Amino acid sequence: MQTDKINTTVLTQFMNQVKAADTANQREIRLDIATAKNIHHTLALVMTRLAGNYEGLMQSQAKEEPVITVQMDGGVWAEK
């Protein structure tokens, strides 16, 4: 799992822009292509990291096998 941080500032700005537009009852928001590309890139990084972390979690849980203990004492042989 990667631990380096992803800069999500562009996503926060986008969410604030949507919230402000909603509060002002605006019907649309406009993004320049540079902002749209930044949002696209950041979302791709976040989703890729999420998928990788999820896959790593699933693999680590799959490796944990239950411990089975078998004891044998030989039993008792009785002749009749």
C-alpha atoms as a PDB file:
ATOM      1  CA  MET A   1       0.000   0.000   0.000  1.00  0.00           C
ATOM      2  CA  GLN A   2       1.263   3.412  -0.866  1.00  0.00           C
ATOM      3  CA  THR A   3       1.567   5.983   1.860  1.00  0.00           C
ATOM      4  CA  ASP A   4       2.474   9.171  -0.030  1.00  0.00           C
ATOM      5  CA  LYS A   5      -0.255  11.774   0.206  1.00  0.00           C
ATOM      6  CA  ILE A   6      -2.521  12.765  -2.671  1.00  0.00           C
ATOM      7  CA  ASN A   7      -3.178  16.489  -3.026  1.00  0.00           C
ATOM      8  CA  THR A   8      -6.968  16.701  -2.931  1.00  0.00           C
ATOM      9  CA  THR A   9      -7.183  20.501  -2.843  1.00  0.00           C
ATOM     10  CA  VAL A  10      -8.715  20.613  -6.316  1.00  0.00           C
ATOM     11  CA  LEU A  11     -11.493  18.247  -5.176  1.00  0.00           C
ATOM     12  CA  THR A  12     -12.195  20.379  -2.107  1.00  0.00           C
ATOM     13  CA  GLN A  13     -12.396  23.488  -4.279  1.00  0.00           C
ATOM     14  CA  PHE A  14     -14.767  21.723  -6.667  1.00  0.00           C
ATOM     15  CA  MET A  15     -17.027  20.561  -3.832  1.00  0.00           C
ATOM     16  CA  ASN A  16     -17.082  24.092  -2.400  1.00  0.00           C
ATOM     17  CA  GLN A  17     -17.967  25.466  -5.834  1.00  0.00           C
ATOM     18  CA  VAL A  18     -20.849  22.988  -6.177  1.00  0.00           C
ATOM     19  CA  LYS A  19     -22.077  23.775  -2.660  1.00  0.00           C
ATOM     20  CA  ALA A  20     -21.998  27.523  -3.327  1.00  0.00           C
ATOM     21  CA  ALA A  21     -23.850  27.067  -6.629  1.00  0.00           C
ATOM     22  CA  ASP A  22     -26.471  24.923  -4.917  1.00  0.00           C
ATOM     23  CA  THR A  23     -26.922  27.460  -2.117  1.00  0.00           C
ATOM     24  CA  ALA A  24     -27.365  30.239  -4.693  1.00  0.00           C
ATOM     25  CA  ASN A  25     -29.866  28.084  -6.637  1.00  0.00           C
ATOM     26  CA  GLN A  26     -27.686  28.190  -9.738  1.00  0.00           C
ATOM     27  CA  ARG A  27     -28.580  25.733 -12.469  1.00  0.00           C
ATOM     28  CA  GLU A  28     -25.041  25.115 -13.686  1.00  0.00           C
ATOM     29  CA  ILE A  29     -21.378  25.591 -12.942  1.00  0.00           C
ATOM     30  CA  ARG A  30     -18.605  26.043 -15.456  1.00  0.00           C
ATOM     31  CA  LEU A  31     -15.103  24.647 -15.339  1.00  0.00           C
ATOM     32  CA  ASP A  32     -12.154  25.580 -17.497  1.00  0.00           C
ATOM     33  CA  ILE A  33     -10.378  22.635 -19.109  1.00  0.00           C
ATOM     34  CA  ALA A  34      -7.340  22.913 -16.807  1.00  0.00           C
ATOM     35  CA  THR A  35      -9.524  22.577 -13.707  1.00  0.00           C
ATOM     36  CA  ALA A  36     -11.459  19.689 -15.248  1.00  0.00           C
ATOM     37  CA  LYS A  37      -8.187  17.905 -16.061  1.00  0.00           C
ATOM     38  CA  ASN A  38      -6.935  18.438 -12.492  1.00  0.00           C
ATOM     39  CA  ILE A  39     -10.164  17.000 -11.076  1.00  0.00           C
ATOM     40  CA  HIS A  40      -9.931  14.056 -13.477  1.00  0.00           C
ATOM     41  CA  HIS A  41      -6.319  13.356 -12.536  1.00  0.00           C
ATOM     42  CA  THR A  42      -6.953  13.615  -8.798  1.00  0.00           C
ATOM     43  CA  LEU A  43     -10.017  11.363  -8.940  1.00  0.00           C
ATOM     44  CA  ALA A  44      -8.037   8.803 -10.949  1.00  0.00           C
ATOM     45  CA  LEU A  45      -5.283   8.811  -8.309  1.00  0.00           C
ATOM     46  CA  VAL A  46      -7.759   8.491  -5.441  1.00  0.00           C
ATOM     47  CA  MET A  47      -9.662   5.632  -7.077  1.00  0.00           C
ATOM     48  CA  THR A  48      -6.479   3.791  -8.057  1.00  0.00           C
ATOM     49  CA  ARG A  49      -5.143   4.094  -4.506  1.00  0.00           C
ATOM     50  CA  LEU A  50      -8.466   2.936  -3.075  1.00  0.00           C
ATOM     51  CA  ALA A  51      -8.556  -0.107  -5.368  1.00  0.00           C
ATOM     52  CA  GLY A  52      -4.952  -0.979  -4.484  1.00  0.00           C
ATOM     53  CA  ASN A  53      -5.568  -0.638  -0.758  1.00  0.00           C
ATOM     54  CA  TYR A  54      -8.721  -2.758  -1.009  1.00  0.00           C
ATOM     55  CA  GLU A  55      -6.909  -5.460  -2.977  1.00  0.00           C
ATOM     56  CA  GLY A  56      -4.078  -5.500  -0.437  1.00  0.00           C
ATOM     57  CA  LEU A  57      -6.569  -5.804   2.405  1.00  0.00           C
ATOM     58  CA  MET A  58      -8.347  -8.699   0.727  1.00  0.00           C
ATOM     59  CA  GLN A  59      -5.050 -10.498   0.075  1.00  0.00           C
ATOM     60  CA  SER A  60      -3.878 -10.059   3.653  1.00  0.00           C
ATOM     61  CA  GLN A  61      -7.143 -11.482   4.977  1.00  0.00           C
ATOM     62  CA  ALA A  62      -7.020 -14.410   2.533  1.00  0.00           C
ATOM     63  CA  LYS A  63      -3.544 -15.429   3.751  1.00  0.00           C
ATOM     64  CA  GLU A  64      -4.731 -15.903   7.309  1.00  0.00           C
ATOM     65  CA  GLU A  65      -5.534 -19.602   7.462  1.00  0.00           C
ATOM     66  CA  PRO A  66      -7.114 -21.167  10.514  1.00  0.00           C
ATOM     67  CA  VAL A  67      -4.827 -23.170  12.797  1.00  0.00           C
ATOM     68  CA  ILE A  68      -5.847 -26.816  13.088  1.00  0.00           C
ATOM     69  CA  THR A  69      -4.399 -28.894  15.913  1.00  0.00           C
ATOM     70  CA  VAL A  70      -4.531 -32.703  15.862  1.00  0.00           C
ATOM     71  CA  GLN A  71      -3.563 -34.755  18.910  1.00  0.00           C
ATOM     72  CA  MET A  72      -3.079 -38.511  18.854  1.00  0.00           C
ATOM     73  CA  ASP A  73      -2.548 -40.520  22.018  1.00  0.00           C
ATOM     74  CA  GLY A  74      -2.367 -44.005  20.507  1.00  0.00           C
ATOM     75  CA  GLY A  75      -5.524 -45.276  22.177  1.00  0.00           C
ATOM     76  CA  VAL A  76      -5.864 -48.492  24.161  1.00  0.00           C
ATOM     77  CA  TRP A  77      -5.744 -51.977  22.599  1.00  0.00           C
ATOM     78  CA  ALA A  78      -7.698 -54.543  24.538  1.00  0.00           C
ATOM     79  CA  GLU A  79      -7.818 -58.225  23.602  1.00  0.00           C
ATOM     80  CA  LYS A  80     -11.032 -60.169  24.122  1.00  0.00           C
END
